[in-house]
């Protein structure tokens, strides 16, 4: 389960509807330490903002349950590929070929995960109303704007 907890906010947003109903009420591994809200709380807030009906929640839970093993495997593979990439970058005698090979492996797993997310969204989108799908698109747009703003601030800081 540790690899699932490593989801970034971006990944959570991308599979937002897929994990809404199966998250625990509180993920105490992080929230108990006071470092940040648990993933369960984050997903519950999103479910509330989408105003999912009980029927929608049960349908989404069934879809997500059918993909749980595949997603867990892919997130595990991605975690391993990223660890291997970091190791290649920091290895004694690191070279471009090794880093490119490790990076290509990580990219390949990310592509597999993107395809799985597309399939998952294709199964979940029909469960949602047009308004709920618009809310997801709005959330993703706000996230893109936030990341774009962070990148712009990095440019500003490097110019000073």
Protein backbone atom coordinates (compact mmCIF):
# COMPACT_ATOMS: atom_id res chain seq x y z
CA UNK A 1 0.00 0.00 0.00
CA UNK A 2 2.97 2.36 0.42
CA UNK A 3 3.25 2.83 -3.34
CA UNK A 4 -0.39 3.90 -3.53
CA UNK A 5 0.30 6.52 -0.84
CA UNK A 6 3.03 7.95 -3.06
CA UNK A 7 0.47 9.32 -5.47
CA UNK A 8 1.16 12.91 -6.29
CA UNK A 9 -1.68 15.38 -6.33
CA UNK A 10 -1.40 15.39 -10.11
CA UNK A 11 -1.91 11.66 -10.34
CA UNK A 12 -4.75 11.81 -7.84
CA UNK A 13 -6.40 14.49 -9.95
CA UNK A 14 -5.95 12.42 -13.09
CA UNK A 15 -7.71 9.42 -11.59
CA UNK A 16 -9.86 11.55 -9.33
CA UNK A 17 -13.12 9.74 -9.80
CA UNK A 18 -11.53 6.32 -9.61
CA UNK A 19 -10.52 6.49 -5.98
CA UNK A 20 -13.21 8.59 -4.40
CA UNK A 21 -15.22 5.97 -2.61
CA UNK A 22 -12.59 3.50 -1.53
CA UNK A 23 -10.36 5.81 0.46
CA UNK A 24 -10.38 5.47 4.23
CA UNK A 25 -11.91 8.23 6.32
CA UNK A 26 -8.44 9.25 7.39
CA UNK A 27 -4.98 8.15 6.37
CA UNK A 28 -3.29 8.29 9.75
CA UNK A 29 0.19 7.48 8.48
CA UNK A 30 0.73 11.09 7.43
CA UNK A 31 -2.04 13.07 9.09
CA UNK A 32 -1.27 11.78 12.57
CA UNK A 33 2.20 13.26 12.27
CA UNK A 34 0.60 16.58 11.37
CA UNK A 35 2.54 16.90 8.15
CA UNK A 36 -0.39 17.05 5.73
CA UNK A 37 -3.96 15.87 5.31
CA UNK A 38 -4.25 12.19 4.51
CA UNK A 39 -5.10 10.97 1.03
CA UNK A 40 -8.48 9.80 2.28
CA UNK A 41 -9.38 13.30 3.42
CA UNK A 42 -8.27 14.75 0.08
CA UNK A 43 -10.39 12.28 -1.88
CA UNK A 44 -13.38 12.78 0.42
CA UNK A 45 -13.25 16.55 -0.19
CA UNK A 46 -13.24 15.93 -3.94
CA UNK A 47 -16.18 13.51 -3.66
CA UNK A 48 -18.07 16.13 -1.70
CA UNK A 49 -17.27 18.84 -4.25
CA UNK A 50 -18.54 16.57 -7.02
CA UNK A 51 -21.68 15.89 -4.97
CA UNK A 52 -21.74 12.20 -5.89
CA UNK A 53 -24.90 10.27 -5.17
CA UNK A 54 -24.73 7.03 -3.21
CA UNK A 55 -25.48 5.16 -6.44
CA UNK A 56 -22.60 6.90 -8.23
CA UNK A 57 -20.27 6.11 -5.34
CA UNK A 58 -21.14 2.42 -5.44
CA UNK A 59 -20.75 2.26 -9.24
CA UNK A 60 -17.38 4.02 -9.10
CA UNK A 61 -16.24 1.77 -6.27
CA UNK A 62 -17.12 -1.28 -8.39
CA UNK A 63 -15.18 0.08 -11.39
CA UNK A 64 -12.19 0.99 -9.27
CA UNK A 65 -12.26 -2.39 -7.53
CA UNK A 66 -11.96 -4.10 -10.89
CA UNK A 67 -8.83 -2.08 -11.70
CA UNK A 68 -7.23 -2.08 -8.23
CA UNK A 69 -4.67 -4.81 -8.92
CA UNK A 70 -3.63 -3.30 -12.25
CA UNK A 71 -3.20 0.17 -10.73
CA UNK A 72 -1.30 -1.18 -7.74
CA UNK A 73 1.05 -3.05 -10.05
CA UNK A 74 1.62 -0.02 -12.27
CA UNK A 75 2.26 2.31 -9.34
CA UNK A 76 4.71 -0.23 -7.93
CA UNK A 77 6.49 -0.45 -11.29
CA UNK A 78 6.59 3.35 -11.53
CA UNK A 79 8.02 3.66 -8.04
CA UNK A 80 10.72 1.10 -8.86
CA UNK A 81 11.52 2.78 -12.20
CA UNK A 82 11.88 6.19 -10.55
CA UNK A 83 14.13 4.74 -7.82
CA UNK A 84 16.27 3.13 -10.51
CA UNK A 85 16.46 6.43 -12.38
CA UNK A 86 17.62 8.24 -9.25
CA UNK A 87 20.20 5.52 -8.67
CA UNK A 88 21.45 5.85 -12.26
CA UNK A 89 21.80 9.62 -11.87
CA UNK A 90 23.75 9.33 -8.61
CA UNK A 91 25.83 6.27 -9.45
CA UNK A 92 29.60 6.46 -9.39
CA UNK A 93 30.64 6.78 -12.99
CA UNK A 94 27.12 7.75 -14.07
CA UNK A 95 26.83 8.09 -17.81
CA UNK A 96 24.31 9.42 -20.26
CA UNK A 97 23.42 6.02 -21.73
CA UNK A 98 22.52 4.54 -18.33
CA UNK A 99 20.45 7.57 -17.34
CA UNK A 100 18.65 7.57 -20.69
CA UNK A 101 17.87 3.86 -20.37
CA UNK A 102 16.51 4.28 -16.83
CA UNK A 103 14.55 7.33 -17.91
CA UNK A 104 13.06 5.45 -20.87
CA UNK A 105 11.91 2.68 -18.54
CA UNK A 106 10.20 5.22 -16.26
CA UNK A 107 8.59 6.85 -19.29
CA UNK A 108 7.35 3.50 -20.54
CA UNK A 109 5.67 2.73 -17.22
CA UNK A 110 4.18 6.24 -17.14
CA UNK A 111 2.75 5.61 -20.62
CA UNK A 112 1.21 2.34 -19.43
CA UNK A 113 -0.26 4.15 -16.44
CA UNK A 114 -1.66 6.90 -18.68
CA UNK A 115 -3.40 4.29 -20.84
CA UNK A 116 -4.86 2.64 -17.72
CA UNK A 117 -6.06 6.02 -16.44
CA UNK A 118 -7.72 6.64 -19.82
CA UNK A 119 -9.49 3.29 -19.62
CA UNK A 120 -10.56 3.94 -16.05
CA UNK A 121 -11.88 7.39 -16.88
CA UNK A 122 -13.72 5.92 -19.87
CA UNK A 123 -15.57 3.60 -17.51
CA UNK A 124 -16.24 6.26 -14.87
CA UNK A 125 -17.14 9.27 -17.04
CA UNK A 126 -20.53 7.82 -18.09
CA UNK A 127 -21.43 7.46 -14.39
CA UNK A 128 -20.89 11.18 -13.84
CA UNK A 129 -23.15 14.02 -14.84
CA UNK A 130 -22.03 16.68 -17.32
CA UNK A 131 -21.67 19.10 -14.41
CA UNK A 132 -19.46 16.68 -12.47
CA UNK A 133 -17.23 16.14 -15.51
CA UNK A 134 -16.95 19.92 -15.91
CA UNK A 135 -15.94 20.21 -12.25
CA UNK A 136 -13.18 17.66 -12.81
CA UNK A 137 -11.99 19.58 -15.88
CA UNK A 138 -12.05 22.81 -13.85
CA UNK A 139 -10.04 21.17 -11.07
CA UNK A 140 -7.45 19.94 -13.57
CA UNK A 141 -7.26 23.40 -15.15
CA UNK A 142 -6.69 25.03 -11.75
CA UNK A 143 -3.96 22.49 -11.05
CA UNK A 144 -2.31 23.20 -14.42
CA UNK A 145 -2.47 26.93 -13.67
CA UNK A 146 -0.91 26.36 -10.23
CA UNK A 147 1.96 24.36 -11.74
CA UNK A 148 2.40 26.95 -14.51
CA UNK A 149 2.55 29.69 -11.89
CA UNK A 150 5.16 27.75 -9.91
CA UNK A 151 7.28 27.35 -13.05
CA UNK A 152 6.98 31.07 -13.80
CA UNK A 153 8.06 31.92 -10.24
CA UNK A 154 11.10 29.67 -10.70
CA UNK A 155 12.03 31.69 -13.79
CA UNK A 156 11.57 34.95 -11.88
CA UNK A 157 13.76 33.75 -9.01
CA UNK A 158 16.54 32.65 -11.35
CA UNK A 159 16.52 36.09 -13.02
CA UNK A 160 17.06 37.90 -9.71
